[in-house]
C-alpha atoms as a PDB file:
ATOM      1  CA  MET A   1       0.000   0.000   0.000  1.00  0.00           C
ATOM      2  CA  LEU A   2       1.271   3.478  -0.851  1.00  0.00           C
ATOM      3  CA  LEU A   3       0.684   6.443   1.449  1.00  0.00           C
ATOM      4  CA  HIS A   4       1.521  10.134   1.213  1.00  0.00           C
ATOM      5  CA  PRO A   5       5.085  10.992   2.243  1.00  0.00           C
ATOM      6  CA  PRO A   6       5.529  12.258   5.803  1.00  0.00           C
ATOM      7  CA  SER A   7       6.175  15.885   6.638  1.00  0.00           C
ATOM      8  CA  GLY A   8       9.813  16.894   6.479  1.00  0.00           C
ATOM      9  CA  THR A   9      10.439  15.217   3.132  1.00  0.00           C
ATOM     10  CA  ASP A  10      10.027  18.366   1.038  1.00  0.00           C
ATOM     11  CA  ARG A  11      13.579  18.205  -0.326  1.00  0.00           C
ATOM     12  CA  VAL A  12      13.134  14.603  -1.479  1.00  0.00           C
ATOM     13  CA  GLN A  13       9.779  15.474  -3.030  1.00  0.00           C
ATOM     14  CA  GLY A  14      11.380  18.382  -4.901  1.00  0.00           C
ATOM     15  CA  LEU A  15      14.183  16.206  -6.264  1.00  0.00           C
ATOM     16  CA  ALA A  16      11.673  13.600  -7.425  1.00  0.00           C
ATOM     17  CA  ALA A  17       9.556  16.266  -9.110  1.00  0.00           C
ATOM     18  CA  ARG A  18      12.617  17.496 -11.042  1.00  0.00           C
ATOM     19  CA  LEU A  19      12.934  13.969 -12.439  1.00  0.00           C
ATOM     20  CA  GLY A  20       9.232  13.622 -13.201  1.00  0.00           C
ATOM     21  CA  CYS A  21       8.684  11.200 -10.328  1.00  0.00           C
ATOM     22  CA  THR A  22       6.791  11.122  -7.055  1.00  0.00           C
ATOM     23  CA  VAL A  23       7.713   9.860  -3.604  1.00  0.00           C
ATOM     24  CA  ALA A  24       5.472   8.005  -1.200  1.00  0.00           C
ATOM     25  CA  GLU A  25       5.611   5.731   1.799  1.00  0.00           C
ATOM     26  CA  HIS A  26       5.320   2.052   1.010  1.00  0.00           C
ATOM     27  CA  CYS A  27       3.816  -0.206   3.652  1.00  0.00           C
ATOM     28  CA  GLU A  28       5.686  -3.506   3.714  1.00  0.00           C
ATOM     29  CA  PRO A  29       3.651  -6.691   4.276  1.00  0.00           C
ATOM     30  CA  TYR A  30       4.910  -6.880   7.866  1.00  0.00           C
ATOM     31  CA  GLY A  31       3.742  -3.318   8.579  1.00  0.00           C
ATOM     32  CA  LYS A  32       6.985  -1.334   8.321  1.00  0.00           C
ATOM     33  CA  PHE A  33       6.838   1.903   6.333  1.00  0.00           C
ATOM     34  CA  LYS A  34       9.642   2.611   3.867  1.00  0.00           C
ATOM     35  CA  PRO A  35      10.199   5.427   1.369  1.00  0.00           C
ATOM     36  CA  ALA A  36       9.439   4.719  -2.268  1.00  0.00           C
ATOM     37  CA  VAL A  37       9.739   6.465  -5.611  1.00  0.00           C
ATOM     38  CA  LEU A  38       7.319   5.982  -8.490  1.00  0.00           C
ATOM     39  CA  GLY A  39       6.798   7.421 -11.920  1.00  0.00           C
ATOM     40  CA  SER A  40       8.827   7.354 -15.104  1.00  0.00           C
ATOM     41  CA  LEU A  41      11.769   5.356 -13.783  1.00  0.00           C
ATOM     42  CA  SER A  42      13.073   3.362 -16.737  1.00  0.00           C
ATOM     43  CA  GLY A  43      16.088   5.637 -17.297  1.00  0.00           C
ATOM     44  CA  LEU A  44      16.867   5.692 -13.577  1.00  0.00           C
ATOM     45  CA  ALA A  45      16.492   2.002 -12.766  1.00  0.00           C
ATOM     46  CA  LEU A  46      20.174   1.070 -12.626  1.00  0.00           C
ATOM     47  CA  THR A  47      21.077   4.076 -10.498  1.00  0.00           C
ATOM     48  CA  LEU A  48      18.200   3.457  -8.100  1.00  0.00           C
ATOM     49  CA  LYS A  49      19.329  -0.164  -7.689  1.00  0.00           C
ATOM     50  CA  GLU A  50      22.928   0.954  -7.086  1.00  0.00           C
ATOM     51  CA  PHE A  51      21.697   3.153  -4.240  1.00  0.00           C
ATOM     52  CA  GLY A  52      19.832   0.252  -2.639  1.00  0.00           C
ATOM     53  CA  GLY A  53      16.430   0.586  -4.269  1.00  0.00           C
ATOM     54  CA  ARG A  54      14.410  -2.626  -4.429  1.00  0.00           C
ATOM     55  CA  TRP A  55      11.764  -3.022  -7.153  1.00  0.00           C
ATOM     56  CA  ASP A  56       8.294  -3.879  -5.855  1.00  0.00           C
ATOM     57  CA  ARG A  57       6.412  -5.583  -8.703  1.00  0.00           C
ATOM     58  CA  VAL A  58       3.004  -5.230  -7.065  1.00  0.00           C
ATOM     59  CA  GLU A  59       3.101  -1.477  -6.446  1.00  0.00           C
ATOM     60  CA  ARG A  60       5.562  -0.822  -9.317  1.00  0.00           C
ATOM     61  CA  VAL A  61       7.835   1.367  -7.177  1.00  0.00           C
ATOM     62  CA  TYR A  62      11.440   1.338  -5.985  1.00  0.00           C
ATOM     63  CA  VAL A  63      11.535   0.941  -2.195  1.00  0.00           C
ATOM     64  CA  PHE A  64      14.459   2.213  -0.091  1.00  0.00           C
ATOM     65  CA  ALA A  65      15.603   1.393   3.422  1.00  0.00           C
ATOM     66  CA  ASN A  66      15.323   5.005   4.593  1.00  0.00           C
ATOM     67  CA  TRP A  67      14.730   8.574   3.415  1.00  0.00           C
ATOM     68  CA  PRO A  68      18.421   9.614   3.314  1.00  0.00           C
ATOM     69  CA  MET A  69      19.210   6.757   0.894  1.00  0.00           C
ATOM     70  CA  LEU A  70      16.339   7.758  -1.383  1.00  0.00           C
ATOM     71  CA  GLU A  71      17.411  11.401  -1.212  1.00  0.00           C
ATOM     72  CA  ALA A  72      21.004  10.494  -2.138  1.00  0.00           C
ATOM     73  CA  ALA A  73      19.823   8.455  -5.126  1.00  0.00           C
ATOM     74  CA  LEU A  74      17.552  11.223  -6.413  1.00  0.00           C
ATOM     75  CA  GLU A  75      20.207  13.896  -5.842  1.00  0.00           C
ATOM     76  CA  TYR A  76      22.715  11.851  -7.852  1.00  0.00           C
ATOM     77  CA  CYS A  77      20.202  11.397 -10.700  1.00  0.00           C
ATOM     78  CA  VAL A  78      19.388  15.118 -10.796  1.00  0.00           C
ATOM     79  CA  ARG A  79      23.066  16.114 -10.723  1.00  0.00           C
ATOM     80  CA  ASN A  80      23.994  13.725 -13.535  1.00  0.00           C
ATOM     81  CA  ARG A  81      21.034  14.765 -15.655  1.00  0.00           C
ATOM     82  CA  ASP A  82      21.900  18.443 -15.234  1.00  0.00           C
ATOM     83  CA  GLU A  83      25.571  17.820 -16.085  1.00  0.00           C
ATOM     84  CA  ALA A  84      24.583  15.871 -19.196  1.00  0.00           C
ATOM     85  CA  ARG A  85      22.434  18.768 -20.370  1.00  0.00           C
ATOM     86  CA  VAL A  86      25.240  21.274 -19.843  1.00  0.00           C
ATOM     87  CA  SER A  87      27.779  19.227 -21.773  1.00  0.00           C
ATOM     88  CA  ALA A  88      25.354  18.489 -24.651  1.00  0.00           C
END
């Protein structure tokens, strides 16, 4: 089940929006809430996996262990995308 992200995750939400994605909280089957990213992720899949993202086939989201790990992954994606645009 996906829920709205908690307060205090504005920076992560902003990074996701810059990539055309959304963040949410994913409720694991055993009841633990973990951060997740959803949206147009095909170009980001390898990077998200490298940062510890786990693909959830049911919800079709990448789930992370904690918010700082998700933030680091999104920040890396934004930085690399911006650098690629500058050098193009």
